[in-house]
N, C-alpha and C. Protein backbone atom coordinates (compact mmCIF):
# COMPACT_ATOMS: atom_id res chain seq x y z
N MET A 1 137.84 48.24 62.59
CA MET A 1 138.19 48.76 63.07
C MET A 1 139.56 47.47 63.51
N GLU A 2 139.68 47.15 63.74
CA GLU A 2 140.87 45.72 63.97
C GLU A 2 141.57 45.90 63.00
N ARG A 3 141.73 45.39 61.71
CA ARG A 3 142.50 45.77 60.55
C ARG A 3 143.37 46.79 60.66
N ILE A 4 142.59 48.26 61.09
CA ILE A 4 143.44 49.41 61.04
C ILE A 4 144.04 50.02 62.51
N ARG A 5 143.81 48.89 63.40
CA ARG A 5 144.78 48.90 64.45
C ARG A 5 145.73 47.66 63.95
N GLN A 6 145.42 46.94 63.81
CA GLN A 6 146.31 45.76 63.08
C GLN A 6 147.79 46.63 61.71
N LEU A 7 147.29 47.52 61.05
CA LEU A 7 148.02 48.51 60.11
C LEU A 7 148.72 49.26 60.71
N GLN A 8 148.12 49.99 62.33
CA GLN A 8 148.74 50.87 62.71
C GLN A 8 150.40 50.17 63.88
N GLN A 9 149.88 49.49 64.45
CA GLN A 9 150.70 48.19 65.12
C GLN A 9 152.10 47.97 63.63
N LEU A 10 151.89 47.97 62.70
CA LEU A 10 152.80 47.32 61.53
C LEU A 10 153.08 48.75 61.44
N ALA A 11 152.88 49.67 61.67
CA ALA A 11 153.47 51.01 60.82
C ALA A 11 153.85 51.20 62.41
N HIS A 12 154.27 51.16 63.63
CA HIS A 12 154.51 50.99 64.61
C HIS A 12 156.19 50.34 64.76
N LYS A 13 155.78 48.93 64.06
CA LYS A 13 156.50 47.86 63.99
C LYS A 13 157.94 48.33 63.11
N LEU A 14 157.41 48.49 61.58
CA LEU A 14 158.32 49.53 61.13
C LEU A 14 159.06 50.53 61.30
N ALA A 15 158.56 51.24 62.30
CA ALA A 15 159.62 52.59 62.53
C ALA A 15 160.64 51.76 63.80
N ARG A 16 159.81 50.92 64.37
CA ARG A 16 160.92 50.07 64.90
C ARG A 16 162.33 49.72 64.70
N VAL A 17 162.37 48.78 63.27
CA VAL A 17 163.19 48.43 62.29
C VAL A 17 164.05 49.15 62.23
N GLU A 18 163.19 50.54 61.15
CA GLU A 18 164.24 51.90 60.99
C GLU A 18 165.00 52.08 61.63
N ASP A 19 165.14 52.13 63.18
CA ASP A 19 166.07 52.17 64.09
C ASP A 19 167.21 51.25 64.72
N LEU A 20 166.83 50.14 63.95
CA LEU A 20 167.93 48.98 64.26
C LEU A 20 169.20 49.27 63.52
N PRO A 21 170.27 48.79 63.59
CA PRO A 21 171.43 49.02 63.17
C PRO A 21 171.94 48.29 62.21
N ILE A 22 172.18 48.53 60.75
CA ILE A 22 172.95 47.55 60.00
C ILE A 22 174.31 47.00 59.80
N GLU A 23 174.57 45.49 60.18
CA GLU A 23 176.34 45.47 60.03
C GLU A 23 177.30 45.81 59.26
N VAL A 24 177.94 46.99 58.89
CA VAL A 24 178.87 46.88 57.60
C VAL A 24 180.24 45.79 57.61
N ASP A 25 180.10 45.24 58.93
CA ASP A 25 181.84 44.40 59.06
C ASP A 25 180.94 44.35 60.55
N LYS A 26 182.02 43.46 61.02
CA LYS A 26 182.14 42.90 62.63
C LYS A 26 182.29 44.19 63.38
N GLU A 27 182.99 44.96 63.00
CA GLU A 27 183.00 46.41 64.18
C GLU A 27 182.47 47.11 63.95
N LEU A 28 181.79 47.28 62.92
CA LEU A 28 181.04 48.93 62.57
C LEU A 28 179.82 48.57 62.02
N ALA A 29 177.96 49.15 62.72
CA ALA A 29 177.22 49.37 62.35
C ALA A 29 176.33 50.51 62.26
N ILE A 30 175.92 51.05 61.30
CA ILE A 30 175.13 52.20 60.70
C ILE A 30 173.87 52.00 61.21
N SER A 31 172.79 53.16 61.09
CA SER A 31 171.47 52.95 61.32
C SER A 31 171.44 53.03 60.26
N THR A 32 169.34 52.26 60.46
CA THR A 32 169.18 52.65 58.68
C THR A 32 168.83 53.94 58.32
N ARG A 33 168.54 55.23 58.98
CA ARG A 33 168.09 56.42 58.34
C ARG A 33 169.97 56.49 57.51
N GLU A 34 171.01 56.17 57.94
CA GLU A 34 172.38 56.29 57.56
C GLU A 34 172.35 55.65 56.40
N ALA A 35 171.72 54.47 56.29
CA ALA A 35 172.10 53.46 55.44
C ALA A 35 171.92 54.10 54.27
N HIS A 36 169.70 54.52 54.10
CA HIS A 36 169.26 55.08 53.21
C HIS A 36 169.95 56.20 52.77
N THR A 37 170.65 56.94 53.16
CA THR A 37 170.86 57.94 52.77
C THR A 37 172.50 58.15 51.90
N ILE A 38 173.15 56.71 52.68
CA ILE A 38 174.05 56.42 51.58
C ILE A 38 173.72 55.67 50.57
N GLN A 39 172.61 55.06 50.75
CA GLN A 39 172.41 54.42 49.61
C GLN A 39 171.47 55.16 48.52
N ALA A 40 170.79 56.25 49.05
CA ALA A 40 170.49 57.51 48.11
C ALA A 40 171.31 58.38 47.01
N ILE A 41 172.68 58.80 47.67
CA ILE A 41 174.02 58.74 47.00
C ILE A 41 174.99 57.81 46.45
N GLY A 42 174.36 56.92 46.69
CA GLY A 42 175.07 55.63 45.84
C GLY A 42 174.23 55.72 44.62
N GLU A 43 173.06 55.64 44.55
CA GLU A 43 172.31 55.80 43.61
C GLU A 43 172.23 56.60 42.72
N GLN A 44 172.58 58.26 42.91
CA GLN A 44 172.69 59.14 42.13
C GLN A 44 173.94 59.45 42.01
N ALA A 45 174.71 59.83 41.31
CA ALA A 45 176.01 60.61 40.86
C ALA A 45 175.58 61.99 41.59
N ALA A 46 176.54 63.00 42.37
CA ALA A 46 176.57 63.75 42.07
C ALA A 46 175.63 64.66 43.11
N LEU A 47 175.50 64.07 44.04
CA LEU A 47 173.95 64.54 44.97
C LEU A 47 174.54 65.76 46.13
N CYS A 48 173.83 66.53 46.11
CA CYS A 48 174.06 68.18 46.56
C CYS A 48 173.14 67.35 47.84
N VAL A 49 173.72 68.66 49.26
CA VAL A 49 172.46 68.75 50.21
C VAL A 49 171.16 68.87 50.31
N LYS A 50 170.90 69.51 48.83
CA LYS A 50 169.37 70.10 48.74
C LYS A 50 168.66 69.10 47.92
N ASP A 51 169.27 67.58 47.43
CA ASP A 51 169.02 66.45 46.76
C ASP A 51 168.61 66.02 47.78
N ILE A 52 169.04 65.55 48.68
CA ILE A 52 169.04 64.86 49.90
C ILE A 52 167.55 65.29 50.72
N ALA A 53 168.11 66.45 51.26
CA ALA A 53 166.12 67.35 51.68
C ALA A 53 165.37 67.14 50.97
N THR A 54 165.25 66.93 49.78
CA THR A 54 163.82 66.59 49.01
C THR A 54 163.75 65.21 49.32
N ARG A 55 164.69 64.82 48.72
CA ARG A 55 164.13 63.66 48.56
C ARG A 55 163.64 62.08 50.15
N PHE A 56 164.00 63.48 50.91
CA PHE A 56 163.73 62.78 52.50
C PHE A 56 162.49 63.17 52.68
N GLY A 57 162.26 64.13 52.13
CA GLY A 57 161.36 65.51 52.52
C GLY A 57 161.56 65.70 54.38
N VAL A 58 162.61 66.30 54.45
CA VAL A 58 163.40 67.18 55.68
C VAL A 58 163.94 68.15 55.30
N THR A 59 164.49 69.09 56.30
CA THR A 59 164.84 70.30 55.90
C THR A 59 166.19 70.49 55.40
N LYS A 60 167.02 71.23 54.51
CA LYS A 60 168.26 71.27 54.58
C LYS A 60 169.43 71.44 55.39
N SER A 61 168.81 71.76 56.55
CA SER A 61 169.37 72.07 57.47
C SER A 61 170.14 70.42 58.09
N ALA A 62 168.57 69.69 58.17
CA ALA A 62 168.95 68.13 58.60
C ALA A 62 169.53 67.40 57.35
N ALA A 63 168.90 67.90 56.48
CA ALA A 63 169.95 66.87 55.34
C ALA A 63 171.66 67.22 55.35
N SER A 64 171.91 68.60 55.80
CA SER A 64 173.30 68.44 55.90
C SER A 64 174.06 68.09 57.48
N GLN A 65 173.08 67.99 58.24
CA GLN A 65 173.59 67.41 59.37
C GLN A 65 173.97 65.94 59.23
N MET A 66 173.06 65.14 58.42
CA MET A 66 173.07 63.75 58.40
C MET A 66 174.46 63.57 57.35
N VAL A 67 174.48 64.61 56.22
CA VAL A 67 175.85 64.39 55.83
C VAL A 67 177.14 64.75 56.36
N SER A 68 177.32 65.42 57.63
CA SER A 68 178.31 66.24 58.11
C SER A 68 179.00 65.15 58.67
N LYS A 69 178.02 64.27 59.73
CA LYS A 69 177.69 63.22 59.95
C LYS A 69 178.60 61.83 59.24
N LEU A 70 178.02 61.60 58.32
CA LEU A 70 178.77 60.91 57.53
C LEU A 70 179.74 60.88 56.87
N ALA A 71 180.21 62.17 57.05
CA ALA A 71 181.60 62.76 55.97
C ALA A 71 182.40 62.52 57.37
N ARG A 72 182.09 62.80 59.09
CA ARG A 72 182.92 62.50 60.12
C ARG A 72 183.20 60.78 60.08
N LYS A 73 181.82 59.84 60.04
CA LYS A 73 182.42 58.42 59.98
C LYS A 73 183.22 57.96 58.81
N GLY A 74 183.17 58.44 57.36
CA GLY A 74 184.60 58.17 56.20
C GLY A 74 183.21 57.54 55.45
N PHE A 75 182.01 57.61 55.50
CA PHE A 75 180.94 57.20 54.39
C PHE A 75 181.25 57.91 53.10
N ILE A 76 181.40 59.28 53.26
CA ILE A 76 181.11 59.80 51.49
C ILE A 76 182.17 61.17 52.12
N ASP A 77 182.51 61.33 50.95
CA ASP A 77 183.43 62.38 50.53
C ASP A 77 182.22 64.24 50.14
N LYS A 78 183.18 64.95 50.46
CA LYS A 78 182.04 66.00 50.46
C LYS A 78 182.98 66.89 49.02
N GLN A 79 182.76 67.64 48.46
CA GLN A 79 183.42 68.24 46.98
C GLN A 79 182.86 69.86 47.07
N LEU A 80 183.05 70.82 46.85
CA LEU A 80 182.92 72.16 46.00
C LEU A 80 182.46 71.80 44.45
N SER A 81 181.08 71.88 44.32
CA SER A 81 180.56 71.89 42.91
C SER A 81 181.37 72.64 42.38
N ALA A 82 181.71 72.17 40.59
CA ALA A 82 182.06 72.60 39.71
C ALA A 82 181.03 74.36 39.10
N HIS A 83 180.19 74.18 39.74
CA HIS A 83 178.96 75.16 39.64
C HIS A 83 179.03 75.78 40.19
N SER A 84 179.02 75.70 41.76
CA SER A 84 178.98 77.17 42.83
C SER A 84 179.35 76.45 43.42
N ASN A 85 180.10 77.57 43.90
CA ASN A 85 181.28 77.63 44.75
C ASN A 85 180.51 77.40 46.61
N LYS A 86 178.83 77.57 46.89
CA LYS A 86 178.50 77.18 47.61
C LYS A 86 177.65 75.94 48.02
N GLU A 87 177.65 75.05 47.11
CA GLU A 87 176.81 74.08 47.12
C GLU A 87 178.11 72.57 46.54
N LEU A 88 177.77 71.75 47.67
CA LEU A 88 178.67 70.65 48.00
C LEU A 88 178.23 69.54 47.16
N ARG A 89 178.92 68.78 46.60
CA ARG A 89 178.73 67.44 45.34
C ARG A 89 179.12 65.84 46.81
N ILE A 90 178.23 65.14 46.59
CA ILE A 90 178.68 64.27 47.90
C ILE A 90 178.80 63.04 46.83
N SER A 91 179.94 61.85 47.79
CA SER A 91 179.80 60.95 46.65
C SER A 91 180.35 60.04 47.87
N LEU A 92 180.35 58.43 47.42
CA LEU A 92 180.81 57.50 48.64
C LEU A 92 182.10 57.43 48.40
N THR A 93 182.86 57.07 50.03
CA THR A 93 184.07 56.43 49.93
C THR A 93 184.01 55.32 49.55
N PRO A 94 185.20 54.68 49.93
CA PRO A 94 185.06 53.01 49.25
C PRO A 94 183.68 52.47 51.32
N LEU A 95 184.28 52.88 52.18
CA LEU A 95 183.77 52.53 53.44
C LEU A 95 182.21 52.58 52.87
N GLY A 96 181.43 53.65 52.21
CA GLY A 96 180.33 53.96 51.91
C GLY A 96 180.20 53.30 51.40
N TRP A 97 180.57 52.71 49.90
CA TRP A 97 180.01 51.37 49.12
C TRP A 97 180.02 50.16 49.62
N GLN A 98 180.92 49.87 50.96
CA GLN A 98 180.75 48.98 51.60
C GLN A 98 179.51 48.77 52.35
N ALA A 99 178.94 49.89 52.76
CA ALA A 99 177.57 49.95 53.57
C ALA A 99 176.52 50.15 52.74
N PHE A 100 176.34 50.46 51.65
CA PHE A 100 175.74 50.64 50.24
C PHE A 100 175.47 48.95 50.44
N ARG A 101 176.08 47.86 49.87
CA ARG A 101 176.39 47.14 50.00
C ARG A 101 175.65 46.28 51.32
N ALA A 102 175.98 46.24 51.84
CA ALA A 102 175.25 45.85 53.20
C ALA A 102 173.95 45.88 53.24
N HIS A 103 173.78 47.42 52.93
CA HIS A 103 172.07 47.46 53.38
C HIS A 103 171.35 46.98 52.47
N GLU A 104 171.44 46.93 51.03
CA GLU A 104 171.22 46.53 49.94
C GLU A 104 170.92 44.57 50.30
N GLN A 105 171.94 43.74 51.20
CA GLN A 105 172.08 42.93 51.30
C GLN A 105 170.79 42.68 52.44
N ALA A 106 170.34 43.58 53.14
CA ALA A 106 169.87 43.33 54.52
C ALA A 106 168.20 43.82 53.64
N HIS A 107 168.19 44.48 52.56
CA HIS A 107 166.85 44.73 52.02
C HIS A 107 166.33 43.49 51.28
N ALA A 108 167.15 42.82 50.42
CA ALA A 108 167.12 41.76 49.63
C ALA A 108 167.02 40.48 50.95
N LYS A 109 167.37 40.45 52.51
CA LYS A 109 167.18 39.40 53.15
C LYS A 109 165.57 39.71 53.46
N ASP A 110 165.33 40.24 53.57
CA ASP A 110 163.95 41.11 53.71
C ASP A 110 163.20 41.00 52.65
N LEU A 111 163.10 41.23 51.26
CA LEU A 111 162.60 41.26 50.31
C LEU A 111 162.31 39.44 50.47
N SER A 112 162.82 38.69 50.57
CA SER A 112 163.20 37.58 50.18
C SER A 112 161.61 36.68 50.98
N ARG A 113 161.75 37.12 52.25
CA ARG A 113 161.14 36.44 52.80
C ARG A 113 159.88 36.68 52.95
N ILE A 114 159.54 37.81 52.21
CA ILE A 114 157.87 38.53 51.78
C ILE A 114 157.49 37.93 50.56
N VAL A 115 158.30 37.79 49.41
CA VAL A 115 158.08 36.69 48.33
C VAL A 115 157.74 35.58 48.61
N GLU A 116 158.60 34.93 49.23
CA GLU A 116 158.76 33.48 49.22
C GLU A 116 157.04 33.33 50.43
N ARG A 117 156.99 34.50 51.17
CA ARG A 117 155.45 34.13 51.88
C ARG A 117 154.06 34.24 51.26
N MET A 118 154.47 34.84 49.96
CA MET A 118 152.71 35.65 49.15
C MET A 118 153.30 34.54 47.75
N GLN A 119 154.16 34.01 47.96
CA GLN A 119 153.72 32.52 46.70
C GLN A 119 152.72 32.11 46.72
N SER A 120 151.74 32.16 47.49
CA SER A 120 150.58 31.20 47.32
C SER A 120 149.28 32.35 47.07
N PHE A 121 149.52 33.83 47.42
CA PHE A 121 148.79 35.12 46.90
C PHE A 121 148.21 34.85 45.29
N SER A 122 147.15 35.23 45.07
CA SER A 122 146.60 34.82 43.64
C SER A 122 146.61 36.29 43.03
N ALA A 123 146.55 36.46 41.72
CA ALA A 123 146.97 37.82 41.00
C ALA A 123 146.09 38.67 41.71
N GLY A 124 144.28 38.19 41.79
CA GLY A 124 143.87 38.96 42.59
C GLY A 124 143.78 39.58 43.60
N ASP A 125 144.78 38.63 44.87
CA ASP A 125 145.49 39.16 46.36
C ASP A 125 146.23 40.22 45.70
N ILE A 126 146.76 40.27 44.95
CA ILE A 126 147.86 40.90 44.44
C ILE A 126 147.33 42.44 44.23
N ALA A 127 146.44 42.65 43.19
CA ALA A 127 145.73 43.38 42.83
C ALA A 127 145.02 43.80 44.06
N THR A 128 144.51 43.48 44.96
CA THR A 128 144.28 44.05 46.03
C THR A 128 144.96 45.09 46.82
N LEU A 129 146.27 44.14 47.02
CA LEU A 129 146.75 44.54 47.92
C LEU A 129 147.71 45.97 47.18
N GLU A 130 147.70 45.71 45.79
CA GLU A 130 148.49 46.84 45.50
C GLU A 130 147.05 48.33 45.78
N GLU A 131 146.26 47.44 45.31
CA GLU A 131 144.58 48.88 45.87
C GLU A 131 144.69 49.68 47.10
N LEU A 132 145.44 48.38 47.87
CA LEU A 132 145.02 49.20 49.83
C LEU A 132 146.40 49.85 49.82
N LEU A 133 147.54 49.61 49.32
CA LEU A 133 148.86 50.05 49.26
C LEU A 133 148.54 51.61 48.85
N HIS A 134 147.91 51.58 47.47
CA HIS A 134 147.77 52.77 47.06
C HIS A 134 147.04 54.11 47.97
N ILE A 135 145.54 52.88 48.84
CA ILE A 135 145.15 53.90 49.56
C ILE A 135 145.46 54.58 50.49
N PHE A 136 146.46 54.06 51.51
CA PHE A 136 147.51 54.07 52.57
C PHE A 136 148.16 55.11 52.32
N ASP A 137 149.01 55.06 50.63
CA ASP A 137 149.97 56.36 50.89
C ASP A 137 149.24 57.33 50.29
N ASP A 138 147.97 57.68 49.52
CA ASP A 138 147.52 58.48 49.04
C ASP A 138 146.87 59.81 50.58
N VAL A 139 146.75 58.82 51.80
CA VAL A 139 146.07 59.29 53.71
C VAL A 139 147.30 59.59 53.81
N ALA A 140 148.51 58.53 53.84
CA ALA A 140 149.62 59.37 54.32
C ALA A 140 150.27 60.53 53.99
N ASP A 141 150.05 61.08 52.30
CA ASP A 141 150.14 62.08 52.10
C ASP A 141 149.61 63.15 52.23
N GLU A 142 148.30 63.26 52.58
CA GLU A 142 147.76 63.92 52.58
C GLU A 142 147.62 64.02 54.47
N ARG A 143 147.64 63.48 55.14
CA ARG A 143 148.08 63.91 56.36
C ARG A 143 149.51 64.76 57.00
N LEU A 144 150.80 64.06 55.36
CA LEU A 144 151.67 65.32 55.88
C LEU A 144 151.63 66.57 55.19
N THR A 145 150.71 66.81 53.76
CA THR A 145 150.14 68.13 53.67
C THR A 145 149.41 69.09 54.32
N GLU A 146 148.68 68.35 55.34
CA GLU A 146 147.69 68.97 56.46
C GLU A 146 148.67 69.48 56.90
N GLU A 147 149.97 69.53 57.61
CA GLU A 147 150.94 69.95 58.85
C GLU A 147 151.02 71.30 58.45
């Protein structure tokens, strides 16, 4: 039971980390949620609002609100799709690409810390960790489908 409590505490901490701002430059920061949306747009050319909703498991309305917010802030451009005048194609502006890179740097810093601390792990330790992560992922998926 103690290990489960530790995992729950970790989940709560990770949720708090998600709320921390990411500095784009000295005068501008974005939320991690905004950064993840920017990252999704930067990684896949010509996304539409529906694609963002699907990727993040949110409603199309919620995705649309995030897209509008990022457009107002100057991170993304919205253009009508060549295939449909109801569908918007979303792309990053130069400021959006700057935010994209800032987000990648933040993740690289965290990943570097993790890799450094895991260097003493054996192949068996890593395999066990992978199995545990699969179990947690499966349980989370089951919980999400129960709603």
